[in-house]
Amino acid sequence: MKILVGDIGGTNTRLLYTEMNDAVCDNVYEQSYPSQNFNSLIEVINQFFLDYEFIDSIDAACFAMLSQAAIAAKGFSYSYIDGGY
């Protein structure tokens, strides 16, 4: 199973990709991006896939995100997270 994990913060967005086989995680790749450099979470994920070209798909994803109050305090809106949809 190919898994994408993210920690979405006001300062940085951290993404991690791993392949789980028989309860063992292999091929772990991790990158941190300044959240202010992107307009949406989708843009960050697209950049991650460009940085690691060999990742062609994922089977599952899990993200930890700031609360609405924390996002507002940092000057962001939920459009960063949902891409404005």
C-alpha atoms as a PDB file:
ATOM      1  CA  MET A   1       0.000   0.000   0.000  1.00  0.00           C
ATOM      2  CA  LYS A   2       1.321   3.461  -0.970  1.00  0.00           C
ATOM      3  CA  ILE A   3       0.625   6.046   1.738  1.00  0.00           C
ATOM      4  CA  LEU A   4       0.981   9.838   1.835  1.00  0.00           C
ATOM      5  CA  VAL A   5       1.069  11.449   5.296  1.00  0.00           C
ATOM      6  CA  GLY A   6       1.026  15.186   5.964  1.00  0.00           C
ATOM      7  CA  ASP A   7       1.447  17.585   8.863  1.00  0.00           C
ATOM      8  CA  ILE A   8      -0.142  20.819   7.670  1.00  0.00           C
ATOM      9  CA  GLY A   9       1.060  23.761   9.732  1.00  0.00           C
ATOM     10  CA  GLY A  10       0.976  27.524   9.493  1.00  0.00           C
ATOM     11  CA  THR A  11       4.745  27.691   9.022  1.00  0.00           C
ATOM     12  CA  ASN A  12       5.579  24.430   7.264  1.00  0.00           C
ATOM     13  CA  THR A  13       3.809  21.609   5.499  1.00  0.00           C
ATOM     14  CA  ARG A  14       5.576  18.299   6.015  1.00  0.00           C
ATOM     15  CA  LEU A  15       4.838  15.399   3.679  1.00  0.00           C
ATOM     16  CA  LEU A  16       5.962  11.804   3.955  1.00  0.00           C
ATOM     17  CA  TYR A  17       5.509   8.961   1.472  1.00  0.00           C
ATOM     18  CA  THR A  18       5.957   5.307   2.317  1.00  0.00           C
ATOM     19  CA  GLU A  19       5.139   1.910   0.908  1.00  0.00           C
ATOM     20  CA  MET A  20       3.764  -0.549   3.460  1.00  0.00           C
ATOM     21  CA  ASN A  21       4.349  -4.232   2.799  1.00  0.00           C
ATOM     22  CA  ASP A  22       3.441  -6.861   5.407  1.00  0.00           C
ATOM     23  CA  ALA A  23       3.235  -4.178   8.153  1.00  0.00           C
ATOM     24  CA  VAL A  24       6.718  -2.885   7.277  1.00  0.00           C
ATOM     25  CA  CYS A  25       7.246   0.606   5.860  1.00  0.00           C
ATOM     26  CA  ASP A  26       9.741   0.750   3.011  1.00  0.00           C
ATOM     27  CA  ASN A  27      10.974   3.541   0.752  1.00  0.00           C
ATOM     28  CA  VAL A  28      10.236   6.401   3.105  1.00  0.00           C
ATOM     29  CA  TYR A  29      10.604   9.876   1.591  1.00  0.00           C
ATOM     30  CA  GLU A  30      10.013  13.052   3.564  1.00  0.00           C
ATOM     31  CA  GLN A  31      10.091  16.736   2.662  1.00  0.00           C
ATOM     32  CA  SER A  32       9.163  19.992   4.401  1.00  0.00           C
ATOM     33  CA  TYR A  33       7.818  22.993   2.475  1.00  0.00           C
ATOM     34  CA  PRO A  34       7.194  26.583   3.695  1.00  0.00           C
ATOM     35  CA  SER A  35       3.390  26.896   3.763  1.00  0.00           C
ATOM     36  CA  GLN A  36       3.537  30.574   2.742  1.00  0.00           C
ATOM     37  CA  ASN A  37       5.096  29.611  -0.619  1.00  0.00           C
ATOM     38  CA  PHE A  38       1.950  27.804  -1.780  1.00  0.00           C
ATOM     39  CA  ASN A  39      -1.664  28.824  -2.354  1.00  0.00           C
ATOM     40  CA  SER A  40      -3.140  25.429  -1.513  1.00  0.00           C
ATOM     41  CA  LEU A  41      -2.381  22.020  -0.101  1.00  0.00           C
ATOM     42  CA  ILE A  42      -2.871  20.591  -3.580  1.00  0.00           C
ATOM     43  CA  GLU A  43       0.020  22.753  -4.827  1.00  0.00           C
ATOM     44  CA  VAL A  44       2.286  21.405  -2.072  1.00  0.00           C
ATOM     45  CA  ILE A  45       1.340  17.806  -2.851  1.00  0.00           C
ATOM     46  CA  ASN A  46       1.947  18.398  -6.568  1.00  0.00           C
ATOM     47  CA  GLN A  47       5.393  19.822  -5.755  1.00  0.00           C
ATOM     48  CA  PHE A  48       6.159  16.770  -3.599  1.00  0.00           C
ATOM     49  CA  PHE A  49       5.257  14.478  -6.494  1.00  0.00           C
ATOM     50  CA  LEU A  50       7.460  16.553  -8.818  1.00  0.00           C
ATOM     51  CA  ASP A  51      10.353  16.381  -6.346  1.00  0.00           C
ATOM     52  CA  TYR A  52       9.988  12.596  -6.151  1.00  0.00           C
ATOM     53  CA  GLU A  53       9.112  11.792  -9.777  1.00  0.00           C
ATOM     54  CA  PHE A  54       8.914   8.055  -9.208  1.00  0.00           C
ATOM     55  CA  ILE A  55       5.815   8.399  -7.011  1.00  0.00           C
ATOM     56  CA  ASP A  56       3.052   7.762  -9.507  1.00  0.00           C
ATOM     57  CA  SER A  57       0.078   7.177  -7.233  1.00  0.00           C
ATOM     58  CA  ILE A  58      -1.079   6.693  -3.645  1.00  0.00           C
ATOM     59  CA  ASP A  59      -3.564   4.290  -2.093  1.00  0.00           C
ATOM     60  CA  ALA A  60      -4.263   6.213   1.106  1.00  0.00           C
ATOM     61  CA  ALA A  61      -3.555   9.575   2.730  1.00  0.00           C
ATOM     62  CA  CYS A  62      -3.789  11.017   6.226  1.00  0.00           C
ATOM     63  CA  PHE A  63      -3.304  14.666   7.198  1.00  0.00           C
ATOM     64  CA  ALA A  64      -2.993  16.467  10.527  1.00  0.00           C
ATOM     65  CA  MET A  65      -4.084  20.110  10.210  1.00  0.00           C
ATOM     66  CA  LEU A  66      -4.303  23.291  12.238  1.00  0.00           C
ATOM     67  CA  SER A  67      -7.589  24.179  13.859  1.00  0.00           C
ATOM     68  CA  GLN A  68      -9.741  26.908  12.304  1.00  0.00           C
ATOM     69  CA  ALA A  69      -8.689  29.369  15.034  1.00  0.00           C
ATOM     70  CA  ALA A  70      -4.993  28.633  14.499  1.00  0.00           C
ATOM     71  CA  ILE A  71      -5.348  29.029  10.741  1.00  0.00           C
ATOM     72  CA  ALA A  72      -7.048  32.421  11.178  1.00  0.00           C
ATOM     73  CA  ALA A  73      -4.349  33.542  13.650  1.00  0.00           C
ATOM     74  CA  LYS A  74      -1.662  32.718  11.069  1.00  0.00           C
ATOM     75  CA  GLY A  75      -3.522  34.691   8.401  1.00  0.00           C
ATOM     76  CA  PHE A  76      -4.492  31.668   6.313  1.00  0.00           C
ATOM     77  CA  SER A  77      -7.930  30.567   5.251  1.00  0.00           C
ATOM     78  CA  TYR A  78      -9.331  27.122   4.641  1.00  0.00           C
ATOM     79  CA  SER A  79      -8.841  27.761   0.934  1.00  0.00           C
ATOM     80  CA  TYR A  80      -5.187  26.796   1.535  1.00  0.00           C
ATOM     81  CA  ILE A  81      -6.292  23.374   2.688  1.00  0.00           C
ATOM     82  CA  ASP A  82      -9.146  22.660   0.296  1.00  0.00           C
ATOM     83  CA  GLY A  83      -7.666  24.421  -2.730  1.00  0.00           C
ATOM     84  CA  GLY A  84     -10.508  26.929  -2.777  1.00  0.00           C
ATOM     85  CA  TYR A  85     -13.078  24.370  -3.908  1.00  0.00           C
END
